[in-house]
């Protein structure tokens, strides 16, 4: 009698989130390191423990640090704004801080009195 086929236990592969390519994103997308092997680092699984999240985010940031399009990715994430994941070396929380600072700075510049010509002392 033949033996039943051997079934090894496999961990279900979690599909890697791919950054969707859109025409308005420009050519930088094709060069993003995260589009290759480490894409799973950039987005949190549901109910991820804090220590695991921090470790994963640090690993994602190390990938970003060697990415040739990190600045373009960050700019994209801030302009969209992207609500999840690590983009351009920043987490969603870090991007919210940057955006808040940008809004505050913009408001300060709008409220600042326009500097007129300086009168020459004579």
PDB file of N, CA and C in Angstrom:
ATOM      1  N   UNK A   1       0.843  -1.170   0.000  1.00  0.00           N
ATOM      2  CA  UNK A   1       0.000   0.000   0.000  1.00  0.00           C
ATOM      3  C   UNK A   1       0.892   1.237   0.000  1.00  0.00           C
ATOM      4  N   UNK A   2       0.657   2.200  -0.904  1.00  0.00           N
ATOM      5  CA  UNK A   2       1.504   3.392  -0.946  1.00  0.00           C
ATOM      6  C   UNK A   2       1.275   4.274   0.277  1.00  0.00           C
ATOM      7  N   UNK A   3       2.311   4.916   0.659  1.00  0.00           N
ATOM      8  CA  UNK A   3       2.223   5.853   1.778  1.00  0.00           C
ATOM      9  C   UNK A   3       1.556   7.140   1.317  1.00  0.00           C
ATOM     10  N   UNK A   4       0.784   7.782   2.207  1.00  0.00           N
ATOM     11  CA  UNK A   4       0.195   9.074   1.831  1.00  0.00           C
ATOM     12  C   UNK A   4       1.299  10.087   1.564  1.00  0.00           C
ATOM     13  N   UNK A   5       1.071  11.011   0.693  1.00  0.00           N
ATOM     14  CA  UNK A   5       2.109  12.011   0.413  1.00  0.00           C
ATOM     15  C   UNK A   5       2.481  12.752   1.694  1.00  0.00           C
ATOM     16  N   UNK A   6       3.775  13.016   1.805  1.00  0.00           N
ATOM     17  CA  UNK A   6       4.272  13.732   2.978  1.00  0.00           C
ATOM     18  C   UNK A   6       3.821  15.184   2.895  1.00  0.00           C
ATOM     19  N   UNK A   7       3.205  15.637   3.953  1.00  0.00           N
ATOM     20  CA  UNK A   7       2.775  17.029   4.003  1.00  0.00           C
ATOM     21  C   UNK A   7       3.570  17.731   5.084  1.00  0.00           C
ATOM     22  N   UNK A   8       4.403  18.622   4.658  1.00  0.00           N
ATOM     23  CA  UNK A   8       5.174  19.369   5.644  1.00  0.00           C
ATOM     24  C   UNK A   8       4.330  20.531   6.141  1.00  0.00           C
ATOM     25  N   UNK A   9       4.608  20.900   7.352  1.00  0.00           N
ATOM     26  CA  UNK A   9       3.911  22.062   7.911  1.00  0.00           C
ATOM     27  C   UNK A   9       4.559  23.314   7.360  1.00  0.00           C
ATOM     28  N   UNK A  10       3.774  24.123   6.751  1.00  0.00           N
ATOM     29  CA  UNK A  10       4.285  25.384   6.215  1.00  0.00           C
ATOM     30  C   UNK A  10       3.575  26.524   6.917  1.00  0.00           C
ATOM     31  N   UNK A  11       4.315  27.527   7.210  1.00  0.00           N
ATOM     32  CA  UNK A  11       3.723  28.734   7.767  1.00  0.00           C
ATOM     33  C   UNK A  11       3.088  29.477   6.598  1.00  0.00           C
ATOM     34  N   UNK A  12       1.869  29.855   6.799  1.00  0.00           N
ATOM     35  CA  UNK A  12       1.182  30.580   5.725  1.00  0.00           C
ATOM     36  C   UNK A  12       1.933  31.868   5.422  1.00  0.00           C
ATOM     37  N   UNK A  13       2.256  32.020   4.177  1.00  0.00           N
ATOM     38  CA  UNK A  13       2.985  33.219   3.765  1.00  0.00           C
ATOM     39  C   UNK A  13       2.038  34.406   3.778  1.00  0.00           C
ATOM     40  N   UNK A  14       2.458  35.435   4.451  1.00  0.00           N
ATOM     41  CA  UNK A  14       1.675  36.670   4.473  1.00  0.00           C
ATOM     42  C   UNK A  14       2.043  37.434   3.212  1.00  0.00           C
ATOM     43  N   UNK A  15       1.063  37.801   2.411  1.00  0.00           N
ATOM     44  CA  UNK A  15       1.414  38.528   1.196  1.00  0.00           C
ATOM     45  C   UNK A  15       2.105  39.837   1.542  1.00  0.00           C
ATOM     46  N   UNK A  16       3.137  40.122   0.791  1.00  0.00           N
ATOM     47  CA  UNK A  16       3.889  41.348   1.025  1.00  0.00           C
ATOM     48  C   UNK A  16       3.109  42.516   0.467  1.00  0.00           C
ATOM     49  N   UNK A  17       2.839  43.515   1.303  1.00  0.00           N
ATOM     50  CA  UNK A  17       2.152  44.678   0.762  1.00  0.00           C
ATOM     51  C   UNK A  17       3.059  45.367  -0.236  1.00  0.00           C
ATOM     52  N   UNK A  18       2.581  45.584  -1.391  1.00  0.00           N
ATOM     53  CA  UNK A  18       3.348  46.290  -2.409  1.00  0.00           C
ATOM     54  C   UNK A  18       2.820  47.706  -2.492  1.00  0.00           C
ATOM     55  N   UNK A  19       3.732  48.616  -2.630  1.00  0.00           N
ATOM     56  CA  UNK A  19       3.342  50.003  -2.787  1.00  0.00           C
ATOM     57  C   UNK A  19       2.714  50.111  -4.166  1.00  0.00           C
ATOM     58  N   UNK A  20       1.463  50.538  -4.263  1.00  0.00           N
ATOM     59  CA  UNK A  20       0.832  50.591  -5.572  1.00  0.00           C
ATOM     60  C   UNK A  20       1.502  51.612  -6.476  1.00  0.00           C
ATOM     61  N   UNK A  21       1.816  51.187  -7.673  1.00  0.00           N
ATOM     62  CA  UNK A  21       2.437  52.095  -8.631  1.00  0.00           C
ATOM     63  C   UNK A  21       1.330  52.899  -9.309  1.00  0.00           C
ATOM     64  N   UNK A  22       1.479  54.205  -9.299  1.00  0.00           N
ATOM     65  CA  UNK A  22       0.512  55.086  -9.945  1.00  0.00           C
ATOM     66  C   UNK A  22       1.282  56.045 -10.834  1.00  0.00           C
ATOM     67  N   UNK A  23       0.666  56.468 -11.884  1.00  0.00           N
ATOM     68  CA  UNK A  23       1.338  57.335 -12.844  1.00  0.00           C
ATOM     69  C   UNK A  23       1.879  58.598 -12.186  1.00  0.00           C
ATOM     70  N   UNK A  24       1.124  59.149 -11.229  1.00  0.00           N
ATOM     71  CA  UNK A  24       1.563  60.408 -10.617  1.00  0.00           C
ATOM     72  C   UNK A  24       2.728  60.239  -9.655  1.00  0.00           C
ATOM     73  N   UNK A  25       3.072  58.991  -9.314  1.00  0.00           N
ATOM     74  CA  UNK A  25       4.168  58.766  -8.385  1.00  0.00           C
ATOM     75  C   UNK A  25       5.529  58.974  -9.035  1.00  0.00           C
ATOM     76  N   UNK A  26       5.604  58.886 -10.320  1.00  0.00           N
ATOM     77  CA  UNK A  26       6.854  59.107 -11.016  1.00  0.00           C
ATOM     78  C   UNK A  26       7.769  57.903 -10.955  1.00  0.00           C
ATOM     79  N   UNK A  27       8.919  58.016 -11.583  1.00  0.00           N
ATOM     80  CA  UNK A  27       9.821  56.876 -11.729  1.00  0.00           C
ATOM     81  C   UNK A  27      10.510  56.424 -10.436  1.00  0.00           C
ATOM     82  N   UNK A  28      10.463  57.207  -9.392  1.00  0.00           N
ATOM     83  CA  UNK A  28      11.157  56.815  -8.162  1.00  0.00           C
ATOM     84  C   UNK A  28      10.629  55.499  -7.620  1.00  0.00           C
ATOM     85  N   UNK A  29       9.365  55.224  -7.827  1.00  0.00           N
ATOM     86  CA  UNK A  29       8.725  54.018  -7.292  1.00  0.00           C
ATOM     87  C   UNK A  29       9.432  52.743  -7.725  1.00  0.00           C
ATOM     88  N   UNK A  30       9.835  52.694  -8.958  1.00  0.00           N
ATOM     89  CA  UNK A  30      10.472  51.481  -9.495  1.00  0.00           C
ATOM     90  C   UNK A  30      11.808  51.198  -8.805  1.00  0.00           C
ATOM     91  N   UNK A  31      12.446  52.223  -8.282  1.00  0.00           N
ATOM     92  CA  UNK A  31      13.755  52.064  -7.653  1.00  0.00           C
ATOM     93  C   UNK A  31      13.687  51.822  -6.153  1.00  0.00           C
ATOM     94  N   UNK A  32      12.502  51.823  -5.582  1.00  0.00           N
ATOM     95  CA  UNK A  32      12.357  51.684  -4.128  1.00  0.00           C
ATOM     96  C   UNK A  32      12.807  50.292  -3.671  1.00  0.00           C
ATOM     97  N   UNK A  33      13.675  50.265  -2.688  1.00  0.00           N
ATOM     98  CA  UNK A  33      14.184  49.008  -2.146  1.00  0.00           C
ATOM     99  C   UNK A  33      13.056  48.173  -1.552  1.00  0.00           C
ATOM    100  N   UNK A  34      12.050  48.821  -0.971  1.00  0.00           N
ATOM    101  CA  UNK A  34      10.949  48.092  -0.334  1.00  0.00           C
ATOM    102  C   UNK A  34      10.110  47.310  -1.329  1.00  0.00           C
ATOM    103  N   UNK A  35      10.235  47.580  -2.614  1.00  0.00           N
ATOM    104  CA  UNK A  35       9.485  46.830  -3.630  1.00  0.00           C
ATOM    105  C   UNK A  35      10.126  45.475  -3.861  1.00  0.00           C
ATOM    106  N   UNK A  36      11.230  45.227  -3.231  1.00  0.00           N
ATOM    107  CA  UNK A  36      11.922  43.959  -3.415  1.00  0.00           C
ATOM    108  C   UNK A  36      11.560  43.014  -2.276  1.00  0.00           C
ATOM    109  N   UNK A  37      12.524  42.576  -1.523  1.00  0.00           N
ATOM    110  CA  UNK A  37      12.325  41.492  -0.561  1.00  0.00           C
ATOM    111  C   UNK A  37      11.707  41.875   0.773  1.00  0.00           C
ATOM    112  N   UNK A  38      11.981  43.056   1.272  1.00  0.00           N
ATOM    113  CA  UNK A  38      11.611  43.374   2.651  1.00  0.00           C
ATOM    114  C   UNK A  38      10.269  44.072   2.804  1.00  0.00           C
ATOM    115  N   UNK A  39       9.398  44.019   1.830  1.00  0.00           N
ATOM    116  CA  UNK A  39       8.164  44.809   1.876  1.00  0.00           C
ATOM    117  C   UNK A  39       7.322  44.538   3.120  1.00  0.00           C
ATOM    118  N   UNK A  40       7.344  43.331   3.652  1.00  0.00           N
ATOM    119  CA  UNK A  40       6.569  43.004   4.841  1.00  0.00           C
ATOM    120  C   UNK A  40       6.990  43.766   6.078  1.00  0.00           C
ATOM    121  N   UNK A  41       8.172  44.334   6.068  1.00  0.00           N
ATOM    122  CA  UNK A  41       8.639  45.107   7.221  1.00  0.00           C
ATOM    123  C   UNK A  41       7.899  46.429   7.377  1.00  0.00           C
ATOM    124  N   UNK A  42       7.330  46.914   6.330  1.00  0.00           N
ATOM    125  CA  UNK A  42       6.871  48.291   6.295  1.00  0.00           C
ATOM    126  C   UNK A  42       5.455  48.520   6.779  1.00  0.00           C
ATOM    127  N   UNK A  43       4.684  47.458   6.951  1.00  0.00           N
ATOM    128  CA  UNK A  43       3.304  47.596   7.386  1.00  0.00           C
ATOM    129  C   UNK A  43       3.035  46.642   8.529  1.00  0.00           C
ATOM    130  N   UNK A  44       2.359  47.127   9.563  1.00  0.00           N
ATOM    131  CA  UNK A  44       2.119  46.353  10.781  1.00  0.00           C
ATOM    132  C   UNK A  44       1.039  45.303  10.580  1.00  0.00           C
ATOM    133  N   UNK A  45       1.302  44.093  11.077  1.00  0.00           N
ATOM    134  CA  UNK A  45       0.221  43.113  11.133  1.00  0.00           C
ATOM    135  C   UNK A  45      -0.779  43.555  12.206  1.00  0.00           C
ATOM    136  N   UNK A  46      -1.995  43.074  12.127  1.00  0.00           N
ATOM    137  CA  UNK A  46      -2.972  43.481  13.131  1.00  0.00           C
ATOM    138  C   UNK A  46      -2.559  42.954  14.505  1.00  0.00           C
ATOM    139  N   UNK A  47      -2.824  43.746  15.516  1.00  0.00           N
ATOM    140  CA  UNK A  47      -2.545  43.403  16.918  1.00  0.00           C
ATOM    141  C   UNK A  47      -1.077  43.061  17.161  1.00  0.00           C
ATOM    142  N   UNK A  48      -0.185  43.787  16.518  1.00  0.00           N
ATOM    143  CA  UNK A  48       1.248  43.571  16.699  1.00  0.00           C
ATOM    144  C   UNK A  48       1.676  44.114  18.059  1.00  0.00           C
ATOM    145  N   UNK A  49       2.366  43.303  18.869  1.00  0.00           N
ATOM    146  CA  UNK A  49       2.844  43.796  20.164  1.00  0.00           C
ATOM    147  C   UNK A  49       3.816  44.972  19.978  1.00  0.00           C
ATOM    148  N   UNK A  50       3.829  45.856  20.928  1.00  0.00           N
ATOM    149  CA  UNK A  50       4.644  47.069  20.827  1.00  0.00           C
ATOM    150  C   UNK A  50       6.112  46.770  20.579  1.00  0.00           C
ATOM    151  N   UNK A  51       6.684  45.837  21.325  1.00  0.00           N
ATOM    152  CA  UNK A  51       8.109  45.524  21.153  1.00  0.00           C
ATOM    153  C   UNK A  51       8.381  45.013  19.740  1.00  0.00           C
ATOM    154  N   UNK A  52       7.498  44.189  19.222  1.00  0.00           N
ATOM    155  CA  UNK A  52       7.660  43.662  17.863  1.00  0.00           C
ATOM    156  C   UNK A  52       7.528  44.786  16.841  1.00  0.00           C
ATOM    157  N   UNK A  53       6.582  45.696  17.075  1.00  0.00           N
ATOM    158  CA  UNK A  53       6.387  46.822  16.160  1.00  0.00           C
ATOM    159  C   UNK A  53       7.624  47.699  16.109  1.00  0.00           C
ATOM    160  N   UNK A  54       8.163  48.028  17.278  1.00  0.00           N
ATOM    161  CA  UNK A  54       9.346  48.882  17.331  1.00  0.00           C
ATOM    162  C   UNK A  54      10.530  48.227  16.629  1.00  0.00           C
ATOM    163  N   UNK A  55      10.704  46.940  16.837  1.00  0.00           N
ATOM    164  CA  UNK A  55      11.788  46.199  16.196  1.00  0.00           C
ATOM    165  C   UNK A  55      11.608  46.179  14.677  1.00  0.00           C
ATOM    166  N   UNK A  56      10.378  45.903  14.233  1.00  0.00           N
ATOM    167  CA  UNK A  56      10.089  45.862  12.801  1.00  0.00           C
ATOM    168  C   UNK A  56      10.301  47.232  12.168  1.00  0.00           C
ATOM    169  N   UNK A  57       9.835  48.289  12.850  1.00  0.00           N
ATOM    170  CA  UNK A  57      10.001  49.634  12.310  1.00  0.00           C
ATOM    171  C   UNK A  57      11.475  50.019  12.196  1.00  0.00           C
ATOM    172  N   UNK A  58      12.271  49.646  13.187  1.00  0.00           N
ATOM    173  CA  UNK A  58      13.707  49.937  13.115  1.00  0.00           C
ATOM    174  C   UNK A  58      14.351  49.196  11.951  1.00  0.00           C
ATOM    175  N   UNK A  59      13.943  47.947  11.731  1.00  0.00           N
ATOM    176  CA  UNK A  59      14.463  47.182  10.593  1.00  0.00           C
ATOM    177  C   UNK A  59      14.042  47.840   9.277  1.00  0.00           C
ATOM    178  N   UNK A  60      12.807  48.299   9.204  1.00  0.00           N
ATOM    179  CA  UNK A  60      12.324  48.986   8.000  1.00  0.00           C
ATOM    180  C   UNK A  60      13.125  50.266   7.762  1.00  0.00           C
ATOM    181  N   UNK A  61      13.397  51.008   8.818  1.00  0.00           N
ATOM    182  CA  UNK A  61      14.173  52.243   8.680  1.00  0.00           C
ATOM    183  C   UNK A  61      15.591  51.964   8.199  1.00  0.00           C
ATOM    184  N   UNK A  62      16.164  50.832   8.593  1.00  0.00           N
ATOM    185  CA  UNK A  62      17.498  50.466   8.092  1.00  0.00           C
ATOM    186  C   UNK A  62      17.444  50.204   6.588  1.00  0.00           C
ATOM    187  N   UNK A  63      16.369  49.597   6.120  1.00  0.00           N
ATOM    188  CA  UNK A  63      16.193  49.394   4.685  1.00  0.00           C
ATOM    189  C   UNK A  63      16.066  50.750   4.000  1.00  0.00           C
ATOM    190  N   UNK A  64      15.247  51.623   4.559  1.00  0.00           N
ATOM    191  CA  UNK A  64      15.067  52.964   3.992  1.00  0.00           C
ATOM    192  C   UNK A  64      16.400  53.709   3.900  1.00  0.00           C
ATOM    193  N   UNK A  65      17.233  53.550   4.910  1.00  0.00           N
ATOM    194  CA  UNK A  65      18.493  54.289   4.960  1.00  0.00           C
ATOM    195  C   UNK A  65      19.392  53.960   3.774  1.00  0.00           C
ATOM    196  N   UNK A  66      19.238  52.785   3.199  1.00  0.00           N
ATOM    197  CA  UNK A  66      20.069  52.419   2.056  1.00  0.00           C
ATOM    198  C   UNK A  66      19.326  52.546   0.724  1.00  0.00           C
ATOM    199  N   UNK A  67      18.124  53.109   0.769  1.00  0.00           N
ATOM    200  CA  UNK A  67      17.294  53.228  -0.433  1.00  0.00           C
ATOM    201  C   UNK A  67      17.674  54.485  -1.215  1.00  0.00           C
ATOM    202  N   UNK A  68      17.875  54.347  -2.519  1.00  0.00           N
ATOM    203  CA  UNK A  68      18.270  55.515  -3.309  1.00  0.00           C
ATOM    204  C   UNK A  68      17.150  56.535  -3.513  1.00  0.00           C
ATOM    205  N   UNK A  69      15.919  56.171  -3.210  1.00  0.00           N
ATOM    206  CA  UNK A  69      14.793  57.095  -3.425  1.00  0.00           C
ATOM    207  C   UNK A  69      14.094  57.454  -2.115  1.00  0.00           C
ATOM    208  N   UNK A  70      14.810  57.368  -1.007  1.00  0.00           N
ATOM    209  CA  UNK A  70      14.209  57.614   0.302  1.00  0.00           C
ATOM    210  C   UNK A  70      13.573  59.003   0.388  1.00  0.00           C
ATOM    211  N   UNK A  71      14.239  60.020  -0.099  1.00  0.00           N
ATOM    212  CA  UNK A  71      13.714  61.386   0.012  1.00  0.00           C
ATOM    213  C   UNK A  71      12.445  61.540  -0.817  1.00  0.00           C
ATOM    214  N   UNK A  72      12.425  61.005  -2.029  1.00  0.00           N
ATOM    215  CA  UNK A  72      11.221  61.081  -2.872  1.00  0.00           C
ATOM    216  C   UNK A  72      10.072  60.315  -2.223  1.00  0.00           C
ATOM    217  N   UNK A  73      10.367  59.188  -1.614  1.00  0.00           N
ATOM    218  CA  UNK A  73       9.356  58.382  -0.929  1.00  0.00           C
ATOM    219  C   UNK A  73       8.773  59.156   0.250  1.00  0.00           C
ATOM    220  N   UNK A  74       9.642  59.790   1.017  1.00  0.00           N
ATOM    221  CA  UNK A  74       9.189  60.582   2.169  1.00  0.00           C
ATOM    222  C   UNK A  74       8.306  61.734   1.711  1.00  0.00           C
ATOM    223  N   UNK A  75       8.731  62.421   0.663  1.00  0.00           N
ATOM    224  CA  UNK A  75       7.937  63.532   0.147  1.00  0.00           C
ATOM    225  C   UNK A  75       6.567  63.048  -0.306  1.00  0.00           C
ATOM    226  N   UNK A  76       6.530  61.905  -0.981  1.00  0.00           N
ATOM    227  CA  UNK A  76       5.256  61.324  -1.410  1.00  0.00           C
ATOM    228  C   UNK A  76       4.364  61.060  -0.201  1.00  0.00           C
ATOM    229  N   UNK A  77       4.930  60.433   0.823  1.00  0.00           N
ATOM    230  CA  UNK A  77       4.150  60.063   2.009  1.00  0.00           C
ATOM    231  C   UNK A  77       3.620  61.286   2.744  1.00  0.00           C
ATOM    232  N   UNK A  78       4.354  62.372   2.715  1.00  0.00           N
ATOM    233  CA  UNK A  78       3.906  63.596   3.377  1.00  0.00           C
ATOM    234  C   UNK A  78       2.870  64.337   2.531  1.00  0.00           C
ATOM    235  N   UNK A  79       3.000  64.279   1.233  1.00  0.00           N
ATOM    236  CA  UNK A  79       2.041  64.970   0.365  1.00  0.00           C
ATOM    237  C   UNK A  79       0.715  64.240   0.263  1.00  0.00           C
ATOM    238  N   UNK A  80       0.721  62.909   0.365  1.00  0.00           N
ATOM    239  CA  UNK A  80      -0.519  62.142   0.159  1.00  0.00           C
ATOM    240  C   UNK A  80      -1.578  62.451   1.207  1.00  0.00           C
ATOM    241  N   UNK A  81      -1.482  62.470   2.442  1.00  0.00           N
ATOM    242  CA  UNK A  81      -0.480  61.801   3.279  1.00  0.00           C
ATOM    243  C   UNK A  81      -0.819  60.315   3.452  1.00  0.00           C
ATOM    244  N   UNK A  82       0.222  59.501   3.519  1.00  0.00           N
ATOM    245  CA  UNK A  82       0.055  58.056   3.709  1.00  0.00           C
ATOM    246  C   UNK A  82      -0.225  57.803   5.191  1.00  0.00           C
ATOM    247  N   UNK A  83      -1.339  57.141   5.537  1.00  0.00           N
ATOM    248  CA  UNK A  83      -1.698  56.971   6.946  1.00  0.00           C
ATOM    249  C   UNK A  83      -1.043  55.777   7.642  1.00  0.00           C
ATOM    250  N   UNK A  84      -0.460  54.848   6.877  1.00  0.00           N
ATOM    251  CA  UNK A  84       0.075  53.623   7.484  1.00  0.00           C
ATOM    252  C   UNK A  84       1.469  53.334   6.963  1.00  0.00           C
ATOM    253  N   UNK A  85       2.198  52.569   7.759  1.00  0.00           N
ATOM    254  CA  UNK A  85       3.474  52.037   7.306  1.00  0.00           C
ATOM    255  C   UNK A  85       4.642  52.981   7.457  1.00  0.00           C
ATOM    256  N   UNK A  86       5.810  52.437   7.152  1.00  0.00           N
ATOM    257  CA  UNK A  86       7.052  53.207   7.147  1.00  0.00           C
ATOM    258  C   UNK A  86       7.298  53.631   5.707  1.00  0.00           C
ATOM    259  N   UNK A  87       7.409  54.915   5.491  1.00  0.00           N
ATOM    260  CA  UNK A  87       7.670  55.495   4.171  1.00  0.00           C
ATOM    261  C   UNK A  87       8.811  56.489   4.324  1.00  0.00           C
ATOM    262  N   UNK A  88       9.806  56.394   3.487  1.00  0.00           N
ATOM    263  CA  UNK A  88      10.896  57.357   3.510  1.00  0.00           C
ATOM    264  C   UNK A  88      11.601  57.431   4.848  1.00  0.00           C
ATOM    265  N   UNK A  89      11.643  56.316   5.568  1.00  0.00           N
ATOM    266  CA  UNK A  89      12.329  56.272   6.847  1.00  0.00           C
ATOM    267  C   UNK A  89      11.545  56.829   8.017  1.00  0.00           C
ATOM    268  N   UNK A  90      10.275  57.158   7.798  1.00  0.00           N
ATOM    269  CA  UNK A  90       9.437  57.682   8.880  1.00  0.00           C
ATOM    270  C   UNK A  90       8.221  56.796   9.093  1.00  0.00           C
ATOM    271  N   UNK A  91       7.871  56.579  10.351  1.00  0.00           N
ATOM    272  CA  UNK A  91       6.643  55.853  10.677  1.00  0.00           C
ATOM    273  C   UNK A  91       5.457  56.793  10.485  1.00  0.00           C
ATOM    274  N   UNK A  92       4.260  56.235  10.527  1.00  0.00           N
ATOM    275  CA  UNK A  92       3.055  57.058  10.405  1.00  0.00           C
ATOM    276  C   UNK A  92       3.001  58.112  11.504  1.00  0.00           C
ATOM    277  N   UNK A  93       3.360  57.738  12.728  1.00  0.00           N
ATOM    278  CA  UNK A  93       3.350  58.693  13.848  1.00  0.00           C
ATOM    279  C   UNK A  93       4.377  59.799  13.623  1.00  0.00           C
ATOM    280  N   UNK A  94       5.554  59.445  13.129  1.00  0.00           N
ATOM    281  CA  UNK A  94       6.588  60.450  12.873  1.00  0.00           C
ATOM    282  C   UNK A  94       6.154  61.397  11.749  1.00  0.00           C
ATOM    283  N   UNK A  95       5.471  60.846  10.744  1.00  0.00           N
ATOM    284  CA  UNK A  95       4.977  61.706   9.663  1.00  0.00           C
ATOM    285  C   UNK A  95       3.918  62.671  10.174  1.00  0.00           C
ATOM    286  N   UNK A  96       3.067  62.209  11.090  1.00  0.00           N
ATOM    287  CA  UNK A  96       2.059  63.117  11.663  1.00  0.00           C
ATOM    288  C   UNK A  96       2.736  64.273  12.381  1.00  0.00           C
ATOM    289  N   UNK A  97       3.817  64.014  13.091  1.00  0.00           N
ATOM    290  CA  UNK A  97       4.561  65.073  13.791  1.00  0.00           C
ATOM    291  C   UNK A  97       5.151  66.054  12.777  1.00  0.00           C
ATOM    292  N   UNK A  98       5.764  65.530  11.722  1.00  0.00           N
ATOM    293  CA  UNK A  98       6.350  66.393  10.691  1.00  0.00           C
ATOM    294  C   UNK A  98       5.269  67.260  10.060  1.00  0.00           C
ATOM    295  N   UNK A  99       4.136  66.650   9.718  1.00  0.00           N
ATOM    296  CA  UNK A  99       3.046  67.411   9.110  1.00  0.00           C
ATOM    297  C   UNK A  99       2.509  68.482  10.048  1.00  0.00           C
ATOM    298  N   UNK A 100       2.384  68.175  11.321  1.00  0.00           N
ATOM    299  CA  UNK A 100       1.913  69.161  12.297  1.00  0.00           C
ATOM    300  C   UNK A 100       2.895  70.326  12.392  1.00  0.00           C
ATOM    301  N   UNK A 101       4.191  70.014  12.399  1.00  0.00           N
ATOM    302  CA  UNK A 101       5.205  71.075  12.439  1.00  0.00           C
ATOM    303  C   UNK A 101       5.139  71.942  11.184  1.00  0.00           C
ATOM    304  N   UNK A 102       4.943  71.294  10.023  1.00  0.00           N
ATOM    305  CA  UNK A 102       4.854  72.038   8.770  1.00  0.00           C
ATOM    306  C   UNK A 102       3.641  72.967   8.782  1.00  0.00           C
ATOM    307  N   UNK A 103       2.499  72.467   9.270  1.00  0.00           N
ATOM    308  CA  UNK A 103       1.295  73.304   9.342  1.00  0.00           C
ATOM    309  C   UNK A 103       1.505  74.475  10.302  1.00  0.00           C
ATOM    310  N   UNK A 104       2.128  74.190  11.454  1.00  0.00           N
ATOM    311  CA  UNK A 104       2.375  75.240  12.442  1.00  0.00           C
ATOM    312  C   UNK A 104       3.319  76.296  11.865  1.00  0.00           C
ATOM    313  N   UNK A 105       4.355  75.863  11.202  1.00  0.00           N
ATOM    314  CA  UNK A 105       5.318  76.795  10.613  1.00  0.00           C
ATOM    315  C   UNK A 105       4.651  77.638   9.524  1.00  0.00           C
ATOM    316  N   UNK A 106       3.830  76.985   8.712  1.00  0.00           N
ATOM    317  CA  UNK A 106       3.118  77.700   7.655  1.00  0.00           C
ATOM    318  C   UNK A 106       2.188  78.756   8.254  1.00  0.00           C
ATOM    319  N   UNK A 107       1.484  78.407   9.333  1.00  0.00           N
ATOM    320  CA  UNK A 107       0.587  79.355   9.996  1.00  0.00           C
ATOM    321  C   UNK A 107       1.381  80.515  10.579  1.00  0.00           C
ATOM    322  N   UNK A 108       2.544  80.229  11.157  1.00  0.00           N
ATOM    323  CA  UNK A 108       3.383  81.296  11.725  1.00  0.00           C
ATOM    324  C   UNK A 108       3.850  82.246  10.640  1.00  0.00           C
ATOM    325  N   UNK A 109       4.208  81.711   9.495  1.00  0.00           N
ATOM    326  CA  UNK A 109       4.679  82.559   8.398  1.00  0.00           C
ATOM    327  C   UNK A 109       3.555  83.440   7.856  1.00  0.00           C
ATOM    328  N   UNK A 110       2.338  82.902   7.823  1.00  0.00           N
ATOM    329  CA  UNK A 110       1.198  83.698   7.355  1.00  0.00           C
ATOM    330  C   UNK A 110       0.868  84.820   8.329  1.00  0.00           C
ATOM    331  N   UNK A 111       1.082  84.587   9.624  1.00  0.00           N
ATOM    332  CA  UNK A 111       0.732  85.579  10.636  1.00  0.00           C
ATOM    333  C   UNK A 111       1.831  86.608  10.859  1.00  0.00           C
ATOM    334  N   UNK A 112       3.041  86.303  10.434  1.00  0.00           N
ATOM    335  CA  UNK A 112       4.162  87.230  10.649  1.00  0.00           C
ATOM    336  C   UNK A 112       3.946  88.483   9.816  1.00  0.00           C
ATOM    337  N   UNK A 113       4.209  89.641  10.412  1.00  0.00           N
ATOM    338  CA  UNK A 113       4.049  90.883   9.637  1.00  0.00           C
ATOM    339  C   UNK A 113       5.083  90.895   8.511  1.00  0.00           C
ATOM    340  N   UNK A 114       4.647  91.413   7.378  1.00  0.00           N
ATOM    341  CA  UNK A 114       5.560  91.503   6.243  1.00  0.00           C
ATOM    342  C   UNK A 114       6.661  92.504   6.588  1.00  0.00           C
ATOM    343  N   UNK A 115       7.863  92.112   6.352  1.00  0.00           N
ATOM    344  CA  UNK A 115       8.998  92.977   6.634  1.00  0.00           C
ATOM    345  C   UNK A 115       9.098  94.027   5.517  1.00  0.00           C
ATOM    346  N   UNK A 116       9.000  95.263   5.902  1.00  0.00           N
ATOM    347  CA  UNK A 116       9.099  96.354   4.941  1.00  0.00           C
ATOM    348  C   UNK A 116      10.543  96.724   4.715  1.00  0.00           C
ATOM    349  N   UNK A 117      10.760  97.681   3.827  1.00  0.00           N
ATOM    350  CA  UNK A 117      12.158  98.116   3.589  1.00  0.00           C
ATOM    351  C   UNK A 117      12.732  98.753   4.848  1.00  0.00           C
ATOM    352  N   UNK A 118      13.965  98.471   5.074  1.00  0.00           N
ATOM    353  CA  UNK A 118      14.649  99.019   6.245  1.00  0.00           C
ATOM    354  C   UNK A 118      15.145 100.410   5.897  1.00  0.00           C
ATOM    355  N   UNK A 119      14.780 101.379   6.735  1.00  0.00           N
ATOM    356  CA  UNK A 119      15.195 102.773   6.507  1.00  0.00           C
ATOM    357  C   UNK A 119      16.671 102.903   6.839  1.00  0.00           C
ATOM    358  N   UNK A 120      17.374 103.574   5.971  1.00  0.00           N
ATOM    359  CA  UNK A 120      18.809 103.782   6.193  1.00  0.00           C
ATOM    360  C   UNK A 120      18.987 104.852   7.263  1.00  0.00           C
ATOM    361  N   UNK A 121      19.860 104.585   8.185  1.00  0.00           N
ATOM    362  CA  UNK A 121      20.150 105.571   9.229  1.00  0.00           C
ATOM    363  C   UNK A 121      21.032 106.643   8.641  1.00  0.00           C
ATOM    364  N   UNK A 122      20.773 107.876   8.950  1.00  0.00           N
ATOM    365  CA  UNK A 122      21.556 108.907   8.303  1.00  0.00           C
ATOM    366  C   UNK A 122      21.907 110.017   9.110  1.00  0.00           C
TER     367      UNK A 122
END
